[in-house]
PDB file of N, CA and C in Angstrom:
ATOM      1  N   MET A   1      25.638  10.104   9.550  1.00  0.00           N
ATOM      2  CA  MET A   1      26.520  11.226   9.807  1.00  0.00           C
ATOM      3  C   MET A   1      27.967  10.763  10.016  1.00  0.00           C
ATOM      4  N   ARG A   2      28.133   9.666  10.769  1.00  0.00           N
ATOM      5  CA  ARG A   2      29.482   9.149  10.985  1.00  0.00           C
ATOM      6  C   ARG A   2      30.107   8.673   9.681  1.00  0.00           C
ATOM      7  N   ARG A   3      29.291   8.070   8.828  1.00  0.00           N
ATOM      8  CA  ARG A   3      29.811   7.588   7.550  1.00  0.00           C
ATOM      9  C   ARG A   3      30.307   8.765   6.709  1.00  0.00           C
ATOM     10  N   LEU A   4      29.567   9.875   6.721  1.00  0.00           N
ATOM     11  CA  LEU A   4      29.962  11.068   5.971  1.00  0.00           C
ATOM     12  C   LEU A   4      31.270  11.633   6.529  1.00  0.00           C
ATOM     13  N   ALA A   5      31.382  11.684   7.842  1.00  0.00           N
ATOM     14  CA  ALA A   5      32.606  12.193   8.469  1.00  0.00           C
ATOM     15  C   ALA A   5      33.790  11.279   8.153  1.00  0.00           C
ATOM     16  N   ALA A   6      33.572   9.973   8.202  1.00  0.00           N
ATOM     17  CA  ALA A   6      34.644   9.029   7.902  1.00  0.00           C
ATOM     18  C   ALA A   6      35.070   9.149   6.441  1.00  0.00           C
ATOM     19  N   THR A   7      34.104   9.299   5.553  1.00  0.00           N
ATOM     20  CA  THR A   7      34.411   9.450   4.130  1.00  0.00           C
ATOM     21  C   THR A   7      35.214  10.721   3.891  1.00  0.00           C
ATOM     22  N   ALA A   8      34.818  11.811   4.546  1.00  0.00           N
ATOM     23  CA  ALA A   8      35.535  13.076   4.396  1.00  0.00           C
ATOM     24  C   ALA A   8      36.964  12.954   4.930  1.00  0.00           C
ATOM     25  N   LEU A   9      37.127  12.274   6.041  1.00  0.00           N
ATOM     26  CA  LEU A   9      38.447  12.083   6.624  1.00  0.00           C
ATOM     27  C   LEU A   9      39.341  11.253   5.699  1.00  0.00           C
ATOM     28  N   ILE A  10      38.797  10.195   5.152  1.00  0.00           N
ATOM     29  CA  ILE A  10      39.572   9.352   4.228  1.00  0.00           C
ATOM     30  C   ILE A  10      39.940  10.140   2.978  1.00  0.00           C
ATOM     31  N   ALA A  11      38.995  10.909   2.452  1.00  0.00           N
ATOM     32  CA  ALA A  11      39.273  11.721   1.252  1.00  0.00           C
ATOM     33  C   ALA A  11      40.364  12.741   1.531  1.00  0.00           C
ATOM     34  N   ALA A  12      40.318  13.378   2.690  1.00  0.00           N
ATOM     35  CA  ALA A  12      41.341  14.361   3.047  1.00  0.00           C
ATOM     36  C   ALA A  12      42.704  13.687   3.180  1.00  0.00           C
ATOM     37  N   PHE A  13      42.741  12.511   3.800  1.00  0.00           N
ATOM     38  CA  PHE A  13      43.996  11.776   3.952  1.00  0.00           C
ATOM     39  C   PHE A  13      44.588  11.413   2.591  1.00  0.00           C
ATOM     40  N   LEU A  14      43.751  10.891   1.697  1.00  0.00           N
ATOM     41  CA  LEU A  14      44.233  10.512   0.369  1.00  0.00           C
ATOM     42  C   LEU A  14      44.706  11.718  -0.427  1.00  0.00           C
ATOM     43  N   ALA A  15      44.031  12.852  -0.271  1.00  0.00           N
ATOM     44  CA  ALA A  15      44.450  14.067  -0.973  1.00  0.00           C
ATOM     45  C   ALA A  15      45.823  14.513  -0.495  1.00  0.00           C
ATOM     46  N   VAL A  16      46.048  14.466   0.798  1.00  0.00           N
ATOM     47  CA  VAL A  16      47.349  14.859   1.348  1.00  0.00           C
ATOM     48  C   VAL A  16      48.419  13.869   0.913  1.00  0.00           C
ATOM     49  N   GLN A  17      48.106  12.570   0.911  1.00  0.00           N
ATOM     50  CA  GLN A  17      49.085  11.565   0.478  1.00  0.00           C
ATOM     51  C   GLN A  17      49.444  11.757  -0.987  1.00  0.00           C
ATOM     52  N   GLY A  18      48.458  12.063  -1.806  1.00  0.00           N
ATOM     53  CA  GLY A  18      48.707  12.289  -3.223  1.00  0.00           C
ATOM     54  C   GLY A  18      49.533  13.532  -3.465  1.00  0.00           C
ATOM     55  N   ALA A  19      49.419  14.524  -2.594  1.00  0.00           N
ATOM     56  CA  ALA A  19      50.169  15.767  -2.746  1.00  0.00           C
ATOM     57  C   ALA A  19      51.565  15.673  -2.139  1.00  0.00           C
ATOM     58  N   GLY A  20      51.842  14.605  -1.422  1.00  0.00           N
ATOM     59  CA  GLY A  20      53.112  14.478  -0.713  1.00  0.00           C
ATOM     60  C   GLY A  20      54.346  14.759  -1.540  1.00  0.00           C
ATOM     61  N   PRO A  21      54.557  14.065  -2.655  1.00  0.00           N
ATOM     62  CA  PRO A  21      55.765  14.324  -3.439  1.00  0.00           C
ATOM     63  C   PRO A  21      55.826  15.749  -3.974  1.00  0.00           C
ATOM     64  N   ALA A  22      54.694  16.295  -4.372  1.00  0.00           N
ATOM     65  CA  ALA A  22      54.694  17.667  -4.884  1.00  0.00           C
ATOM     66  C   ALA A  22      55.044  18.647  -3.773  1.00  0.00           C
ATOM     67  N   LEU A  23      54.489  18.448  -2.602  1.00  0.00           N
ATOM     68  CA  LEU A  23      54.798  19.350  -1.492  1.00  0.00           C
ATOM     69  C   LEU A  23      56.245  19.181  -1.045  1.00  0.00           C
ATOM     70  N   ALA A  24      56.733  17.972  -1.080  1.00  0.00           N
ATOM     71  CA  ALA A  24      58.111  17.732  -0.650  1.00  0.00           C
ATOM     72  C   ALA A  24      59.108  18.364  -1.607  1.00  0.00           C
ATOM     73  N   HIS A  25      58.732  18.521  -2.860  1.00  0.00           N
ATOM     74  CA  HIS A  25      59.621  19.095  -3.859  1.00  0.00           C
ATOM     75  C   HIS A  25      59.953  20.543  -3.527  1.00  0.00           C
ATOM     76  N   HIS A  26      58.998  21.284  -3.006  1.00  0.00           N
ATOM     77  CA  HIS A  26      59.237  22.681  -2.687  1.00  0.00           C
ATOM     78  C   HIS A  26      60.030  22.764  -1.395  1.00  0.00           C
ATOM     79  N   GLY A  27      60.870  23.755  -1.301  1.00  0.00           N
ATOM     80  CA  GLY A  27      61.820  23.820  -0.201  1.00  0.00           C
ATOM     81  C   GLY A  27      63.174  23.389  -0.728  1.00  0.00           C
ATOM     82  N   TRP A  28      63.998  22.846   0.152  1.00  0.00           N
ATOM     83  CA  TRP A  28      65.377  22.511  -0.217  1.00  0.00           C
ATOM     84  C   TRP A  28      65.724  21.043   0.025  1.00  0.00           C
ATOM     85  N   SER A  29      64.825  20.270   0.597  1.00  0.00           N
ATOM     86  CA  SER A  29      65.171  18.901   0.993  1.00  0.00           C
ATOM     87  C   SER A  29      65.546  18.008  -0.181  1.00  0.00           C
ATOM     88  N   TRP A  30      65.140  18.341  -1.374  1.00  0.00           N
ATOM     89  CA  TRP A  30      65.433  17.522  -2.556  1.00  0.00           C
ATOM     90  C   TRP A  30      66.783  17.862  -3.190  1.00  0.00           C
ATOM     91  N   THR A  31      67.458  18.899  -2.675  1.00  0.00           N
ATOM     92  CA  THR A  31      68.723  19.329  -3.261  1.00  0.00           C
ATOM     93  C   THR A  31      69.911  18.677  -2.550  1.00  0.00           C
ATOM     94  N   THR A  32      71.102  18.896  -3.132  1.00  0.00           N
ATOM     95  CA  THR A  32      72.318  18.292  -2.567  1.00  0.00           C
ATOM     96  C   THR A  32      72.856  19.030  -1.353  1.00  0.00           C
ATOM     97  N   GLY A  33      72.503  20.303  -1.217  1.00  0.00           N
ATOM     98  CA  GLY A  33      73.061  21.111  -0.142  1.00  0.00           C
ATOM     99  C   GLY A  33      74.293  21.879  -0.567  1.00  0.00           C
ATOM    100  N   GLY A  34      74.806  21.612  -1.755  1.00  0.00           N
ATOM    101  CA  GLY A  34      75.965  22.322  -2.293  1.00  0.00           C
ATOM    102  C   GLY A  34      75.593  22.999  -3.601  1.00  0.00           C
ATOM    103  N   ASN A  35      76.344  24.015  -3.967  1.00  0.00           N
ATOM    104  CA  ASN A  35      76.024  24.775  -5.177  1.00  0.00           C
ATOM    105  C   ASN A  35      76.796  24.297  -6.392  1.00  0.00           C
ATOM    106  N   ILE A  36      76.168  24.503  -7.550  1.00  0.00           N
ATOM    107  CA  ILE A  36      76.833  24.337  -8.832  1.00  0.00           C
ATOM    108  C   ILE A  36      76.614  25.631  -9.606  1.00  0.00           C
ATOM    109  N   GLN A  37      77.304  25.737 -10.722  1.00  0.00           N
ATOM    110  CA  GLN A  37      77.161  26.904 -11.583  1.00  0.00           C
ATOM    111  C   GLN A  37      76.848  26.415 -12.995  1.00  0.00           C
ATOM    112  N   LEU A  38      75.855  27.032 -13.624  1.00  0.00           N
ATOM    113  CA  LEU A  38      75.505  26.737 -15.009  1.00  0.00           C
ATOM    114  C   LEU A  38      75.544  28.031 -15.800  1.00  0.00           C
ATOM    115  N   THR A  39      76.019  27.970 -17.023  1.00  0.00           N
ATOM    116  CA  THR A  39      75.947  29.105 -17.929  1.00  0.00           C
ATOM    117  C   THR A  39      75.349  28.597 -19.226  1.00  0.00           C
ATOM    118  N   GLY A  40      74.341  29.314 -19.719  1.00  0.00           N
ATOM    119  CA  GLY A  40      73.715  28.888 -20.963  1.00  0.00           C
ATOM    120  C   GLY A  40      72.649  29.857 -21.420  1.00  0.00           C
ATOM    121  N   LEU A  41      71.938  29.441 -22.459  1.00  0.00           N
ATOM    122  CA  LEU A  41      70.871  30.257 -23.029  1.00  0.00           C
ATOM    123  C   LEU A  41      69.517  29.762 -22.559  1.00  0.00           C
ATOM    124  N   ILE A  42      68.658  30.715 -22.195  1.00  0.00           N
ATOM    125  CA  ILE A  42      67.290  30.378 -21.816  1.00  0.00           C
ATOM    126  C   ILE A  42      66.558  29.906 -23.065  1.00  0.00           C
ATOM    127  N   LYS A  43      65.956  28.723 -22.980  1.00  0.00           N
ATOM    128  CA  LYS A  43      65.181  28.164 -24.096  1.00  0.00           C
ATOM    129  C   LYS A  43      63.684  28.397 -23.901  1.00  0.00           C
ATOM    130  N   THR A  44      63.189  28.191 -22.669  1.00  0.00           N
ATOM    131  CA  THR A  44      61.777  28.430 -22.376  1.00  0.00           C
ATOM    132  C   THR A  44      61.651  29.085 -21.012  1.00  0.00           C
ATOM    133  N   VAL A  45      60.549  29.799 -20.832  1.00  0.00           N
ATOM    134  CA  VAL A  45      60.290  30.522 -19.583  1.00  0.00           C
ATOM    135  C   VAL A  45      58.840  30.297 -19.183  1.00  0.00           C
ATOM    136  N   LYS A  46      58.629  29.960 -17.922  1.00  0.00           N
ATOM    137  CA  LYS A  46      57.281  29.885 -17.348  1.00  0.00           C
ATOM    138  C   LYS A  46      57.370  30.499 -15.956  1.00  0.00           C
ATOM    139  N   LEU A  47      56.859  31.703 -15.811  1.00  0.00           N
ATOM    140  CA  LEU A  47      56.930  32.400 -14.531  1.00  0.00           C
ATOM    141  C   LEU A  47      55.586  32.327 -13.828  1.00  0.00           C
ATOM    142  N   GLY A  48      55.616  32.399 -12.512  1.00  0.00           N
ATOM    143  CA  GLY A  48      54.386  32.367 -11.722  1.00  0.00           C
ATOM    144  C   GLY A  48      54.608  31.604 -10.442  1.00  0.00           C
ATOM    145  N   ASN A  49      53.512  31.240  -9.814  1.00  0.00           N
ATOM    146  CA  ASN A  49      53.559  30.503  -8.558  1.00  0.00           C
ATOM    147  C   ASN A  49      53.413  29.017  -8.823  1.00  0.00           C
ATOM    148  N   PRO A  50      53.977  28.137  -8.035  1.00  0.00           N
ATOM    149  CA  PRO A  50      54.681  28.428  -6.798  1.00  0.00           C
ATOM    150  C   PRO A  50      56.095  28.957  -7.021  1.00  0.00           C
ATOM    151  N   HIS A  51      56.639  28.835  -8.238  1.00  0.00           N
ATOM    152  CA  HIS A  51      57.937  29.416  -8.595  1.00  0.00           C
ATOM    153  C   HIS A  51      58.026  29.397 -10.109  1.00  0.00           C
ATOM    154  N   GLY A  52      58.920  30.202 -10.646  1.00  0.00           N
ATOM    155  CA  GLY A  52      59.141  30.194 -12.080  1.00  0.00           C
ATOM    156  C   GLY A  52      60.044  29.040 -12.476  1.00  0.00           C
ATOM    157  N   VAL A  53      59.956  28.659 -13.753  1.00  0.00           N
ATOM    158  CA  VAL A  53      60.777  27.576 -14.269  1.00  0.00           C
ATOM    159  C   VAL A  53      61.349  27.992 -15.617  1.00  0.00           C
ATOM    160  N   LEU A  54      62.657  27.828 -15.748  1.00  0.00           N
ATOM    161  CA  LEU A  54      63.340  28.069 -17.008  1.00  0.00           C
ATOM    162  C   LEU A  54      63.895  26.746 -17.504  1.00  0.00           C
ATOM    163  N   THR A  55      64.004  26.604 -18.814  1.00  0.00           N
ATOM    164  CA  THR A  55      64.861  25.559 -19.343  1.00  0.00           C
ATOM    165  C   THR A  55      66.055  26.279 -19.948  1.00  0.00           C
ATOM    166  N   VAL A  56      67.225  25.777 -19.637  1.00  0.00           N
ATOM    167  CA  VAL A  56      68.471  26.423 -20.038  1.00  0.00           C
ATOM    168  C   VAL A  56      69.342  25.395 -20.758  1.00  0.00           C
ATOM    169  N   ASP A  57      69.840  25.795 -21.921  1.00  0.00           N
ATOM    170  CA  ASP A  57      70.782  24.964 -22.671  1.00  0.00           C
ATOM    171  C   ASP A  57      72.188  25.355 -22.226  1.00  0.00           C
ATOM    172  N   ALA A  58      72.795  24.480 -21.442  1.00  0.00           N
ATOM    173  CA  ALA A  58      74.149  24.707 -20.929  1.00  0.00           C
ATOM    174  C   ALA A  58      75.084  23.730 -21.620  1.00  0.00           C
ATOM    175  N   GLU A  59      75.771  24.202 -22.642  1.00  0.00           N
ATOM    176  CA  GLU A  59      76.727  23.393 -23.402  1.00  0.00           C
ATOM    177  C   GLU A  59      76.090  22.111 -23.934  1.00  0.00           C
ATOM    178  N   GLY A  60      74.887  22.243 -24.486  1.00  0.00           N
ATOM    179  CA  GLY A  60      74.212  21.107 -25.096  1.00  0.00           C
ATOM    180  C   GLY A  60      73.388  20.262 -24.147  1.00  0.00           C
ATOM    181  N   GLU A  61      73.472  20.522 -22.856  1.00  0.00           N
ATOM    182  CA  GLU A  61      72.631  19.814 -21.888  1.00  0.00           C
ATOM    183  C   GLU A  61      71.485  20.734 -21.485  1.00  0.00           C
ATOM    184  N   ILE A  62      70.271  20.197 -21.507  1.00  0.00           N
ATOM    185  CA  ILE A  62      69.105  20.985 -21.117  1.00  0.00           C
ATOM    186  C   ILE A  62      68.857  20.790 -19.629  1.00  0.00           C
ATOM    187  N   TRP A  63      68.857  21.909 -18.903  1.00  0.00           N
ATOM    188  CA  TRP A  63      68.615  21.927 -17.469  1.00  0.00           C
ATOM    189  C   TRP A  63      67.299  22.632 -17.174  1.00  0.00           C
ATOM    190  N   THR A  64      66.602  22.173 -16.159  1.00  0.00           N
ATOM    191  CA  THR A  64      65.435  22.861 -15.636  1.00  0.00           C
ATOM    192  C   THR A  64      65.913  23.672 -14.441  1.00  0.00           C
ATOM    193  N   VAL A  65      65.604  24.967 -14.456  1.00  0.00           N
ATOM    194  CA  VAL A  65      66.056  25.867 -13.396  1.00  0.00           C
ATOM    195  C   VAL A  65      64.839  26.470 -12.720  1.00  0.00           C
ATOM    196  N   GLU A  66      64.706  26.208 -11.431  1.00  0.00           N
ATOM    197  CA  GLU A  66      63.650  26.848 -10.653  1.00  0.00           C
ATOM    198  C   GLU A  66      64.151  28.212 -10.220  1.00  0.00           C
ATOM    199  N   VAL A  67      63.385  29.240 -10.561  1.00  0.00           N
ATOM    200  CA  VAL A  67      63.681  30.584 -10.078  1.00  0.00           C
ATOM    201  C   VAL A  67      62.659  30.900  -8.993  1.00  0.00           C
ATOM    202  N   GLY A  68      62.675  32.117  -8.478  1.00  0.00           N
ATOM    203  CA  GLY A  68      61.808  32.445  -7.362  1.00  0.00           C
ATOM    204  C   GLY A  68      60.349  32.657  -7.731  1.00  0.00           C
ATOM    205  N   GLN A  69      59.554  32.800  -6.691  1.00  0.00           N
ATOM    206  CA  GLN A  69      58.177  33.225  -6.858  1.00  0.00           C
ATOM    207  C   GLN A  69      58.208  34.654  -7.392  1.00  0.00           C
ATOM    208  N   PRO A  70      57.109  35.146  -7.970  1.00  0.00           N
ATOM    209  CA  PRO A  70      57.119  36.515  -8.503  1.00  0.00           C
ATOM    210  C   PRO A  70      57.601  37.561  -7.491  1.00  0.00           C
ATOM    211  N   TRP A  71      57.187  37.473  -6.245  1.00  0.00           N
ATOM    212  CA  TRP A  71      57.603  38.463  -5.243  1.00  0.00           C
ATOM    213  C   TRP A  71      59.102  38.367  -4.947  1.00  0.00           C
ATOM    214  N   ARG A  72      59.637  37.141  -4.962  1.00  0.00           N
ATOM    215  CA  ARG A  72      61.070  36.948  -4.666  1.00  0.00           C
ATOM    216  C   ARG A  72      61.917  37.501  -5.815  1.00  0.00           C
ATOM    217  N   ASN A  73      61.493  37.234  -7.046  1.00  0.00           N
ATOM    218  CA  ASN A  73      62.217  37.763  -8.209  1.00  0.00           C
ATOM    219  C   ASN A  73      62.204  39.293  -8.180  1.00  0.00           C
ATOM    220  N   ALA A  74      61.036  39.878  -7.903  1.00  0.00           N
ATOM    221  CA  ALA A  74      60.915  41.340  -7.863  1.00  0.00           C
ATOM    222  C   ALA A  74      61.798  41.926  -6.761  1.00  0.00           C
ATOM    223  N   ARG A  75      61.822  41.288  -5.604  1.00  0.00           N
ATOM    224  CA  ARG A  75      62.651  41.769  -4.501  1.00  0.00           C
ATOM    225  C   ARG A  75      64.130  41.768  -4.889  1.00  0.00           C
ATOM    226  N   ALA A  76      64.532  40.804  -5.708  1.00  0.00           N
ATOM    227  CA  ALA A  76      65.928  40.725  -6.163  1.00  0.00           C
ATOM    228  C   ALA A  76      66.212  41.720  -7.284  1.00  0.00           C
ATOM    229  N   GLY A  77      65.174  42.396  -7.793  1.00  0.00           N
ATOM    230  CA  GLY A  77      65.348  43.346  -8.885  1.00  0.00           C
ATOM    231  C   GLY A  77      65.177  42.721 -10.258  1.00  0.00           C
ATOM    232  N   LEU A  78      64.773  41.470 -10.291  1.00  0.00           N
ATOM    233  CA  LEU A  78      64.617  40.730 -11.537  1.00  0.00           C
ATOM    234  C   LEU A  78      63.224  40.969 -12.108  1.00  0.00           C
ATOM    235  N   LYS A  79      63.168  41.447 -13.346  1.00  0.00           N
ATOM    236  CA  LYS A  79      61.886  41.684 -14.014  1.00  0.00           C
ATOM    237  C   LYS A  79      61.562  40.487 -14.903  1.00  0.00           C
ATOM    238  N   PRO A  80      60.284  40.211 -15.104  1.00  0.00           N
ATOM    239  CA  PRO A  80      59.933  39.104 -15.996  1.00  0.00           C
ATOM    240  C   PRO A  80      60.587  39.230 -17.372  1.00  0.00           C
ATOM    241  N   SER A  81      60.722  40.440 -17.868  1.00  0.00           N
ATOM    242  CA  SER A  81      61.327  40.634 -19.196  1.00  0.00           C
ATOM    243  C   SER A  81      62.821  40.303 -19.216  1.00  0.00           C
ATOM    244  N   ASP A  82      63.466  40.263 -18.030  1.00  0.00           N
ATOM    245  CA  ASP A  82      64.883  39.885 -17.963  1.00  0.00           C
ATOM    246  C   ASP A  82      65.080  38.412 -18.311  1.00  0.00           C
ATOM    247  N   LEU A  83      64.058  37.607 -18.027  1.00  0.00           N
ATOM    248  CA  LEU A  83      64.142  36.164 -18.242  1.00  0.00           C
ATOM    249  C   LEU A  83      63.434  35.809 -19.548  1.00  0.00           C
ATOM    250  N   ALA A  84      64.050  36.149 -20.652  1.00  0.00           N
ATOM    251  CA  ALA A  84      63.444  35.922 -21.966  1.00  0.00           C
ATOM    252  C   ALA A  84      64.205  34.834 -22.712  1.00  0.00           C
ATOM    253  N   GLU A  85      63.519  34.178 -23.608  1.00  0.00           N
ATOM    254  CA  GLU A  85      64.161  33.173 -24.451  1.00  0.00           C
ATOM    255  C   GLU A  85      65.336  33.800 -25.194  1.00  0.00           C
ATOM    256  N   GLY A  86      66.435  33.086 -25.231  1.00  0.00           N
ATOM    257  CA  GLY A  86      67.627  33.553 -25.933  1.00  0.00           C
ATOM    258  C   GLY A  86      68.603  34.342 -25.084  1.00  0.00           C
ATOM    259  N   VAL A  87      68.209  34.701 -23.867  1.00  0.00           N
ATOM    260  CA  VAL A  87      69.088  35.457 -22.967  1.00  0.00           C
ATOM    261  C   VAL A  87      70.114  34.502 -22.356  1.00  0.00           C
ATOM    262  N   GLU A  88      71.373  34.946 -22.314  1.00  0.00           N
ATOM    263  CA  GLU A  88      72.404  34.150 -21.653  1.00  0.00           C
ATOM    264  C   GLU A  88      72.357  34.424 -20.157  1.00  0.00           C
ATOM    265  N   VAL A  89      72.350  33.357 -19.371  1.00  0.00           N
ATOM    266  CA  VAL A  89      72.312  33.463 -17.915  1.00  0.00           C
ATOM    267  C   VAL A  89      73.416  32.612 -17.311  1.00  0.00           C
ATOM    268  N   ARG A  90      73.839  33.056 -16.144  1.00  0.00           N
ATOM    269  CA  ARG A  90      74.704  32.226 -15.303  1.00  0.00           C
ATOM    270  C   ARG A  90      73.916  31.992 -14.042  1.00  0.00           C
ATOM    271  N   ILE A  91      73.755  30.749 -13.669  1.00  0.00           N
ATOM    272  CA  ILE A  91      72.959  30.344 -12.514  1.00  0.00           C
ATOM    273  C   ILE A  91      73.881  29.737 -11.474  1.00  0.00           C
ATOM    274  N   ILE A  92      73.732  30.159 -10.238  1.00  0.00           N
ATOM    275  CA  ILE A  92      74.377  29.497  -9.109  1.00  0.00           C
ATOM    276  C   ILE A  92      73.244  28.995  -8.231  1.00  0.00           C
ATOM    277  N   GLY A  93      73.252  27.701  -7.961  1.00  0.00           N
ATOM    278  CA  GLY A  93      72.172  27.142  -7.165  1.00  0.00           C
ATOM    279  C   GLY A  93      72.434  25.708  -6.781  1.00  0.00           C
ATOM    280  N   GLU A  94      71.468  25.148  -6.083  1.00  0.00           N
ATOM    281  CA  GLU A  94      71.585  23.782  -5.580  1.00  0.00           C
ATOM    282  C   GLU A  94      70.885  22.815  -6.527  1.00  0.00           C
ATOM    283  N   PRO A  95      71.623  21.802  -6.992  1.00  0.00           N
ATOM    284  CA  PRO A  95      71.017  20.815  -7.883  1.00  0.00           C
ATOM    285  C   PRO A  95      70.240  19.752  -7.114  1.00  0.00           C
ATOM    286  N   SER A  96      69.417  19.055  -7.848  1.00  0.00           N
ATOM    287  CA  SER A  96      68.715  17.898  -7.304  1.00  0.00           C
ATOM    288  C   SER A  96      69.733  16.886  -6.814  1.00  0.00           C
ATOM    289  N   SER A  97      69.383  16.175  -5.762  1.00  0.00           N
ATOM    290  CA  SER A  97      70.284  15.132  -5.256  1.00  0.00           C
ATOM    291  C   SER A  97      70.460  14.015  -6.290  1.00  0.00           C
ATOM    292  N   ASN A  98      69.546  13.924  -7.248  1.00  0.00           N
ATOM    293  CA  ASN A  98      69.715  13.018  -8.380  1.00  0.00           C
ATOM    294  C   ASN A  98      70.172  13.874  -9.557  1.00  0.00           C
ATOM    295  N   ILE A  99      71.462  13.970  -9.786  1.00  0.00           N
ATOM    296  CA  ILE A  99      72.031  14.872 -10.785  1.00  0.00           C
ATOM    297  C   ILE A  99      71.507  14.567 -12.185  1.00  0.00           C
ATOM    298  N   GLU A 100      71.066  13.332 -12.419  1.00  0.00           N
ATOM    299  CA  GLU A 100      70.502  12.973 -13.717  1.00  0.00           C
ATOM    300  C   GLU A 100      69.225  13.746 -14.029  1.00  0.00           C
ATOM    301  N   ASP A 101      68.584  14.308 -13.001  1.00  0.00           N
ATOM    302  CA  ASP A 101      67.377  15.116 -13.216  1.00  0.00           C
ATOM    303  C   ASP A 101      67.694  16.405 -13.977  1.00  0.00           C
ATOM    304  N   ARG A 102      68.949  16.849 -13.884  1.00  0.00           N
ATOM    305  CA  ARG A 102      69.357  18.142 -14.464  1.00  0.00           C
ATOM    306  C   ARG A 102      68.376  19.240 -14.023  1.00  0.00           C
ATOM    307  N   LEU A 103      68.179  19.292 -12.728  1.00  0.00           N
ATOM    308  CA  LEU A 103      67.268  20.243 -12.091  1.00  0.00           C
ATOM    309  C   LEU A 103      68.042  21.006 -11.034  1.00  0.00           C
ATOM    310  N   VAL A 104      67.929  22.331 -11.048  1.00  0.00           N
ATOM    311  CA  VAL A 104      68.649  23.151 -10.084  1.00  0.00           C
ATOM    312  C   VAL A 104      67.725  24.258  -9.575  1.00  0.00           C
ATOM    313  N   LYS A 105      67.835  24.547  -8.301  1.00  0.00           N
ATOM    314  CA  LYS A 105      67.093  25.651  -7.680  1.00  0.00           C
ATOM    315  C   LYS A 105      68.044  26.849  -7.610  1.00  0.00           C
ATOM    316  N   ALA A 106      67.711  27.892  -8.371  1.00  0.00           N
ATOM    317  CA  ALA A 106      68.599  29.056  -8.466  1.00  0.00           C
ATOM    318  C   ALA A 106      68.622  29.845  -7.170  1.00  0.00           C
ATOM    319  N   GLU A 107      69.820  30.176  -6.717  1.00  0.00           N
ATOM    320  CA  GLU A 107      70.010  31.092  -5.600  1.00  0.00           C
ATOM    321  C   GLU A 107      70.413  32.464  -6.117  1.00  0.00           C
ATOM    322  N   GLU A 108      71.255  32.460  -7.155  1.00  0.00           N
ATOM    323  CA  GLU A 108      71.705  33.704  -7.778  1.00  0.00           C
ATOM    324  C   GLU A 108      71.607  33.548  -9.287  1.00  0.00           C
ATOM    325  N   ILE A 109      71.224  34.638  -9.952  1.00  0.00           N
ATOM    326  CA  ILE A 109      71.154  34.666 -11.403  1.00  0.00           C
ATOM    327  C   ILE A 109      71.961  35.867 -11.876  1.00  0.00           C
ATOM    328  N   PHE A 110      72.799  35.651 -12.879  1.00  0.00           N
ATOM    329  CA  PHE A 110      73.594  36.724 -13.469  1.00  0.00           C
ATOM    330  C   PHE A 110      73.164  36.886 -14.917  1.00  0.00           C
ATOM    331  N   ILE A 111      72.811  38.117 -15.287  1.00  0.00           N
ATOM    332  CA  ILE A 111      72.442  38.444 -16.660  1.00  0.00           C
ATOM    333  C   ILE A 111      73.210  39.696 -17.050  1.00  0.00           C
ATOM    334  N   SER A 112      73.967  39.603 -18.125  1.00  0.00           N
ATOM    335  CA  SER A 112      74.787  40.736 -18.596  1.00  0.00           C
ATOM    336  C   SER A 112      75.633  41.322 -17.467  1.00  0.00           C
ATOM    337  N   GLY A 113      76.200  40.455 -16.636  1.00  0.00           N
ATOM    338  CA  GLY A 113      77.072  40.886 -15.557  1.00  0.00           C
ATOM    339  C   GLY A 113      76.356  41.385 -14.317  1.00  0.00           C
ATOM    340  N   LYS A 114      75.033  41.493 -14.350  1.00  0.00           N
ATOM    341  CA  LYS A 114      74.282  41.958 -13.181  1.00  0.00           C
ATOM    342  C   LYS A 114      73.832  40.759 -12.351  1.00  0.00           C
ATOM    343  N   ARG A 115      74.048  40.870 -11.042  1.00  0.00           N
ATOM    344  CA  ARG A 115      73.712  39.789 -10.102  1.00  0.00           C
ATOM    345  C   ARG A 115      72.335  40.020  -9.498  1.00  0.00           C
ATOM    346  N   TYR A 116      71.513  38.959  -9.518  1.00  0.00           N
ATOM    347  CA  TYR A 116      70.202  38.963  -8.878  1.00  0.00           C
ATOM    348  C   TYR A 116      70.227  37.891  -7.808  1.00  0.00           C
ATOM    349  N   ASP A 117      70.188  38.313  -6.547  1.00  0.00           N
ATOM    350  CA  ASP A 117      70.291  37.397  -5.419  1.00  0.00           C
ATOM    351  C   ASP A 117      68.880  37.048  -4.945  1.00  0.00           C
ATOM    352  N   LEU A 118      68.424  35.845  -5.294  1.00  0.00           N
ATOM    353  CA  LEU A 118      67.073  35.429  -4.929  1.00  0.00           C
ATOM    354  C   LEU A 118      66.939  35.067  -3.456  1.00  0.00           C
ATOM    355  N   TYR A 119      68.024  34.608  -2.859  1.00  0.00           N
ATOM    356  CA  TYR A 119      68.012  34.179  -1.451  1.00  0.00           C
ATOM    357  C   TYR A 119      69.134  34.853  -0.688  1.00  0.00           C
ATOM    358  N   PRO A 120      69.003  36.154  -0.422  1.00  0.00           N
ATOM    359  CA  PRO A 120      70.067  36.863   0.291  1.00  0.00           C
ATOM    360  C   PRO A 120      70.363  36.204   1.638  1.00  0.00           C
ATOM    361  N   GLY A 121      71.646  36.078   1.927  1.00  0.00           N
ATOM    362  CA  GLY A 121      72.043  35.512   3.218  1.00  0.00           C
ATOM    363  C   GLY A 121      72.112  34.001   3.240  1.00  0.00           C
ATOM    364  N   ARG A 122      71.660  33.350   2.174  1.00  0.00           N
ATOM    365  CA  ARG A 122      71.733  31.883   2.148  1.00  0.00           C
ATOM    366  C   ARG A 122      73.134  31.486   1.709  1.00  0.00           C
ATOM    367  N   ASP A 123      73.773  30.632   2.462  1.00  0.00           N
ATOM    368  CA  ASP A 123      75.137  30.167   2.132  1.00  0.00           C
ATOM    369  C   ASP A 123      75.085  28.873   1.390  1.00  0.00           C
TER     370      ASP A 123
END
């Protein structure tokens, strides 16, 4: 019985250790703390949990843009059909602390002049 409990404990520890980088990615700790602005065309869209992901061609550079979870996008008034391939977007958000990643977490999205605030009150 003790061996089974020890094995389960070790397995749980290893599972949490393996998930560490993935869990750390969510939230804001991986960002710079300051905002940038990108304008470009959506190339690909993958919406869902834990958050949606767009690839955006901004002046020839391909960026990965994290958008909100489905509930957060809906609360901002953003419909899945708004985030379609070929749509021009302006993104304001926090980039990865490693700028070479070309990864940004969107705080605000502008489409056809309409503002979608994913994180109201966040400065």
